[in-house]
Amino acid sequence: CVDDDVKKWCREYSVIFDYTQGAEIKKSNIYNCKEVVYRNFEMPFGEDLALIKLTRKVVDRTPVQIAKTAVHMGEKLSMIGYPLGIPQK
C-alpha cells in the first residue's frame, strides 16, 4: 500500500506492530519510516511489496525470512495481509 510518491508516504505514515482493530496502540510499537528501500506494485496479480527502513531498530521480534527461490508445489507457504486492506497486517 505504498503510493508512487514514496517520500511523501514515508513522511505521512508510520508502521505499527501488533495492531488489531479496536485495540489500544502502545507508543513503543509505533515506528517511523526513514526510507522506502524497495517498492513494486503490479496489479492485479503481480508483486505487491515494499521494503521500508525504519528510524529505529526493532528489538523485540524476529525478522521474517524471505525466500530467494520460487515456491514449489507442496511446500508450506505463509501469507500476511489481505488485498482489500483488512486492519490486521
N, C-alpha and C. Protein backbone atom coordinates (compact mmCIF):
# COMPACT_ATOMS: atom_id res chain seq x y z
N CYS A 1 0.81 -1.20 0.00
CA CYS A 1 0.00 0.00 0.00
C CYS A 1 0.86 1.27 0.00
N VAL A 2 2.09 1.17 -0.43
CA VAL A 2 2.95 2.34 -0.51
C VAL A 2 2.71 3.03 -1.85
N ASP A 3 2.31 4.31 -1.79
CA ASP A 3 2.00 5.08 -3.00
C ASP A 3 3.23 5.28 -3.89
N ASP A 4 2.98 5.78 -5.10
CA ASP A 4 4.07 6.11 -6.02
C ASP A 4 5.01 7.17 -5.44
N ASP A 5 4.45 8.12 -4.72
CA ASP A 5 5.27 9.18 -4.10
C ASP A 5 5.81 8.65 -2.77
N VAL A 6 6.89 7.88 -2.85
CA VAL A 6 7.41 7.18 -1.66
C VAL A 6 7.93 8.15 -0.59
N LYS A 7 8.49 9.29 -0.98
CA LYS A 7 8.99 10.24 0.02
C LYS A 7 7.83 10.83 0.82
N LYS A 8 6.74 11.17 0.15
CA LYS A 8 5.56 11.68 0.84
C LYS A 8 4.98 10.59 1.74
N TRP A 9 4.89 9.36 1.23
CA TRP A 9 4.35 8.24 2.01
C TRP A 9 5.16 8.08 3.30
N CYS A 10 6.47 8.14 3.17
CA CYS A 10 7.35 7.94 4.31
C CYS A 10 7.17 9.05 5.35
N ARG A 11 6.90 10.27 4.94
CA ARG A 11 6.67 11.37 5.89
C ARG A 11 5.32 11.25 6.58
N GLU A 12 4.32 10.72 5.89
CA GLU A 12 2.94 10.76 6.38
C GLU A 12 2.46 9.50 7.11
N TYR A 13 3.17 8.39 6.96
CA TYR A 13 2.71 7.14 7.55
C TYR A 13 3.75 6.56 8.51
N SER A 14 3.25 5.77 9.45
CA SER A 14 4.10 5.05 10.39
C SER A 14 3.77 3.57 10.32
N VAL A 15 4.66 2.75 10.84
CA VAL A 15 4.43 1.31 10.95
C VAL A 15 4.06 1.04 12.41
N ILE A 16 2.97 0.31 12.62
CA ILE A 16 2.53 -0.03 13.98
C ILE A 16 2.52 -1.54 14.12
N PHE A 17 3.33 -2.07 15.03
CA PHE A 17 3.35 -3.51 15.28
C PHE A 17 2.22 -3.89 16.23
N ASP A 18 1.71 -5.12 16.05
CA ASP A 18 0.70 -5.72 16.91
C ASP A 18 -0.64 -4.98 16.90
N TYR A 19 -0.93 -4.28 15.83
CA TYR A 19 -2.20 -3.55 15.74
C TYR A 19 -3.34 -4.51 15.40
N THR A 20 -4.44 -4.38 16.11
CA THR A 20 -5.70 -5.03 15.76
C THR A 20 -6.80 -4.01 15.95
N GLN A 21 -7.84 -4.12 15.17
CA GLN A 21 -8.93 -3.16 15.20
C GLN A 21 -9.52 -3.06 16.61
N GLY A 22 -9.61 -1.83 17.11
CA GLY A 22 -10.19 -1.59 18.42
C GLY A 22 -9.22 -1.70 19.58
N ALA A 23 -8.02 -2.18 19.34
CA ALA A 23 -7.04 -2.36 20.42
C ALA A 23 -6.31 -1.05 20.72
N GLU A 24 -5.84 -0.92 21.94
CA GLU A 24 -5.03 0.23 22.32
C GLU A 24 -3.66 0.12 21.66
N ILE A 25 -3.17 1.22 21.12
CA ILE A 25 -1.87 1.22 20.45
C ILE A 25 -0.80 1.68 21.44
N LYS A 26 0.21 0.84 21.64
CA LYS A 26 1.33 1.21 22.52
C LYS A 26 2.29 2.10 21.75
N LYS A 27 2.71 3.18 22.37
CA LYS A 27 3.66 4.11 21.74
C LYS A 27 4.94 3.40 21.32
N SER A 28 5.36 2.41 22.12
CA SER A 28 6.60 1.68 21.82
C SER A 28 6.48 0.83 20.55
N ASN A 29 5.25 0.58 20.07
CA ASN A 29 5.03 -0.22 18.85
C ASN A 29 4.91 0.63 17.59
N ILE A 30 5.07 1.95 17.72
CA ILE A 30 4.97 2.86 16.57
C ILE A 30 6.38 3.16 16.08
N TYR A 31 6.60 2.89 14.80
CA TYR A 31 7.90 3.13 14.17
C TYR A 31 7.71 4.04 12.97
N ASN A 32 8.58 5.05 12.86
CA ASN A 32 8.51 5.96 11.73
C ASN A 32 9.36 5.45 10.57
N CYS A 33 8.93 5.81 9.39
CA CYS A 33 9.64 5.42 8.16
C CYS A 33 10.84 6.34 7.96
N LYS A 34 11.99 5.74 7.69
CA LYS A 34 13.19 6.51 7.35
C LYS A 34 13.34 6.57 5.84
N GLU A 35 13.05 5.44 5.19
CA GLU A 35 13.26 5.35 3.73
C GLU A 35 12.50 4.15 3.19
N VAL A 36 11.91 4.32 2.02
CA VAL A 36 11.34 3.18 1.29
C VAL A 36 12.47 2.66 0.41
N VAL A 37 13.02 1.52 0.78
CA VAL A 37 14.18 0.94 0.11
C VAL A 37 13.78 0.31 -1.22
N TYR A 38 12.62 -0.34 -1.24
CA TYR A 38 12.15 -1.02 -2.45
C TYR A 38 10.64 -0.98 -2.46
N ARG A 39 10.05 -0.77 -3.64
CA ARG A 39 8.61 -0.78 -3.78
C ARG A 39 8.27 -1.26 -5.18
N ASN A 40 7.34 -2.21 -5.25
CA ASN A 40 6.84 -2.67 -6.54
C ASN A 40 5.38 -3.05 -6.37
N PHE A 41 4.52 -2.46 -7.18
CA PHE A 41 3.09 -2.70 -7.10
C PHE A 41 2.57 -2.97 -8.50
N GLU A 42 2.35 -4.23 -8.80
CA GLU A 42 1.90 -4.65 -10.14
C GLU A 42 0.54 -5.33 -10.01
N MET A 43 -0.52 -4.57 -10.19
CA MET A 43 -1.86 -5.13 -10.06
C MET A 43 -2.35 -5.59 -11.43
N PRO A 44 -3.22 -6.59 -11.52
CA PRO A 44 -3.96 -7.13 -10.39
C PRO A 44 -3.30 -8.34 -9.73
N PHE A 45 -2.37 -9.04 -10.39
CA PHE A 45 -1.86 -10.28 -9.81
C PHE A 45 -0.34 -10.35 -9.75
N GLY A 46 0.31 -9.22 -9.83
CA GLY A 46 1.77 -9.21 -9.78
C GLY A 46 2.27 -8.96 -8.36
N GLU A 47 3.50 -8.54 -8.27
CA GLU A 47 4.14 -8.29 -6.98
C GLU A 47 3.52 -7.07 -6.31
N ASP A 48 3.28 -7.16 -5.02
CA ASP A 48 2.81 -6.05 -4.19
C ASP A 48 3.68 -6.08 -2.95
N LEU A 49 4.78 -5.35 -3.00
CA LEU A 49 5.81 -5.49 -1.96
C LEU A 49 6.50 -4.15 -1.73
N ALA A 50 6.78 -3.87 -0.47
CA ALA A 50 7.59 -2.70 -0.11
C ALA A 50 8.53 -3.11 1.00
N LEU A 51 9.77 -2.66 0.91
CA LEU A 51 10.77 -2.85 1.96
C LEU A 51 11.05 -1.47 2.54
N ILE A 52 10.76 -1.31 3.84
CA ILE A 52 10.82 0.00 4.48
C ILE A 52 11.88 0.00 5.57
N LYS A 53 12.79 0.97 5.54
CA LYS A 53 13.78 1.14 6.59
C LYS A 53 13.17 2.06 7.65
N LEU A 54 13.22 1.64 8.90
CA LEU A 54 12.63 2.39 9.99
C LEU A 54 13.67 3.28 10.68
N THR A 55 13.18 4.27 11.43
CA THR A 55 14.09 5.23 12.07
C THR A 55 14.78 4.68 13.30
N ARG A 56 14.27 3.56 13.82
CA ARG A 56 14.94 2.92 14.97
C ARG A 56 14.87 1.41 14.83
N LYS A 57 15.78 0.74 15.49
CA LYS A 57 15.89 -0.71 15.41
C LYS A 57 14.73 -1.38 16.15
N VAL A 58 14.20 -2.42 15.54
CA VAL A 58 13.15 -3.23 16.17
C VAL A 58 13.87 -4.36 16.92
N VAL A 59 13.67 -4.41 18.24
CA VAL A 59 14.45 -5.35 19.05
C VAL A 59 13.64 -6.49 19.66
N ASP A 60 12.32 -6.41 19.66
CA ASP A 60 11.52 -7.39 20.39
C ASP A 60 10.85 -8.45 19.52
N ARG A 61 11.37 -8.69 18.33
CA ARG A 61 10.80 -9.71 17.45
C ARG A 61 11.82 -10.17 16.43
N THR A 62 11.59 -11.35 15.88
CA THR A 62 12.49 -11.94 14.90
C THR A 62 12.04 -11.57 13.48
N PRO A 63 12.94 -11.10 12.64
CA PRO A 63 12.56 -10.75 11.26
C PRO A 63 12.04 -11.97 10.49
N VAL A 64 11.16 -11.72 9.57
CA VAL A 64 10.64 -12.77 8.69
C VAL A 64 11.73 -13.16 7.70
N GLN A 65 11.87 -14.44 7.47
CA GLN A 65 12.83 -14.92 6.47
C GLN A 65 12.18 -14.82 5.09
N ILE A 66 12.86 -14.21 4.15
CA ILE A 66 12.34 -14.05 2.80
C ILE A 66 13.03 -15.05 1.89
N ALA A 67 12.23 -15.84 1.17
CA ALA A 67 12.78 -16.85 0.26
C ALA A 67 13.50 -16.20 -0.90
N LYS A 68 14.54 -16.84 -1.34
CA LYS A 68 15.29 -16.35 -2.50
C LYS A 68 15.02 -17.20 -3.74
N THR A 69 14.17 -18.21 -3.58
CA THR A 69 13.80 -19.08 -4.70
C THR A 69 12.28 -19.17 -4.79
N ALA A 70 11.80 -19.67 -5.90
CA ALA A 70 10.35 -19.81 -6.11
C ALA A 70 9.77 -20.89 -5.20
N VAL A 71 8.50 -20.74 -4.87
CA VAL A 71 7.79 -21.75 -4.09
C VAL A 71 7.40 -22.88 -5.03
N HIS A 72 7.56 -24.11 -4.55
CA HIS A 72 7.23 -25.29 -5.36
C HIS A 72 5.98 -25.96 -4.82
N MET A 73 5.28 -26.66 -5.66
CA MET A 73 4.07 -27.38 -5.29
C MET A 73 4.35 -28.27 -4.07
N GLY A 74 3.48 -28.18 -3.06
CA GLY A 74 3.62 -28.99 -1.86
C GLY A 74 4.38 -28.32 -0.73
N GLU A 75 5.09 -27.22 -1.00
CA GLU A 75 5.81 -26.50 0.06
C GLU A 75 4.83 -25.69 0.90
N LYS A 76 5.16 -25.53 2.18
CA LYS A 76 4.35 -24.69 3.06
C LYS A 76 4.56 -23.22 2.71
N LEU A 77 3.48 -22.44 2.84
CA LEU A 77 3.52 -21.03 2.49
C LEU A 77 2.72 -20.24 3.53
N SER A 78 3.25 -19.13 3.98
CA SER A 78 2.53 -18.24 4.89
C SER A 78 2.27 -16.93 4.18
N MET A 79 1.15 -16.29 4.52
CA MET A 79 0.79 -15.03 3.88
C MET A 79 0.29 -14.07 4.94
N ILE A 80 0.68 -12.80 4.83
CA ILE A 80 0.24 -11.77 5.76
C ILE A 80 -0.49 -10.72 4.95
N GLY A 81 -1.58 -10.20 5.50
CA GLY A 81 -2.30 -9.15 4.82
C GLY A 81 -3.48 -9.69 4.04
N TYR A 82 -4.11 -8.81 3.32
CA TYR A 82 -5.30 -9.14 2.54
C TYR A 82 -5.48 -8.05 1.49
N PRO A 83 -5.80 -8.38 0.26
CA PRO A 83 -5.82 -7.39 -0.80
C PRO A 83 -6.87 -6.27 -0.63
N LEU A 84 -7.85 -6.44 0.23
CA LEU A 84 -8.84 -5.40 0.43
C LEU A 84 -8.55 -4.56 1.67
N GLY A 85 -7.40 -4.74 2.29
CA GLY A 85 -6.94 -3.87 3.36
C GLY A 85 -7.56 -4.07 4.71
N ILE A 86 -7.76 -5.33 5.15
CA ILE A 86 -8.31 -5.51 6.49
C ILE A 86 -7.33 -4.95 7.51
N PRO A 87 -7.79 -4.55 8.70
CA PRO A 87 -6.94 -3.80 9.61
C PRO A 87 -5.89 -4.58 10.38
N GLN A 88 -5.74 -5.85 10.18
CA GLN A 88 -4.65 -6.56 10.85
C GLN A 88 -3.68 -7.04 9.81
N LYS A 89 -2.45 -6.62 9.92
CA LYS A 89 -1.44 -6.97 8.92
C LYS A 89 -0.34 -7.75 9.58
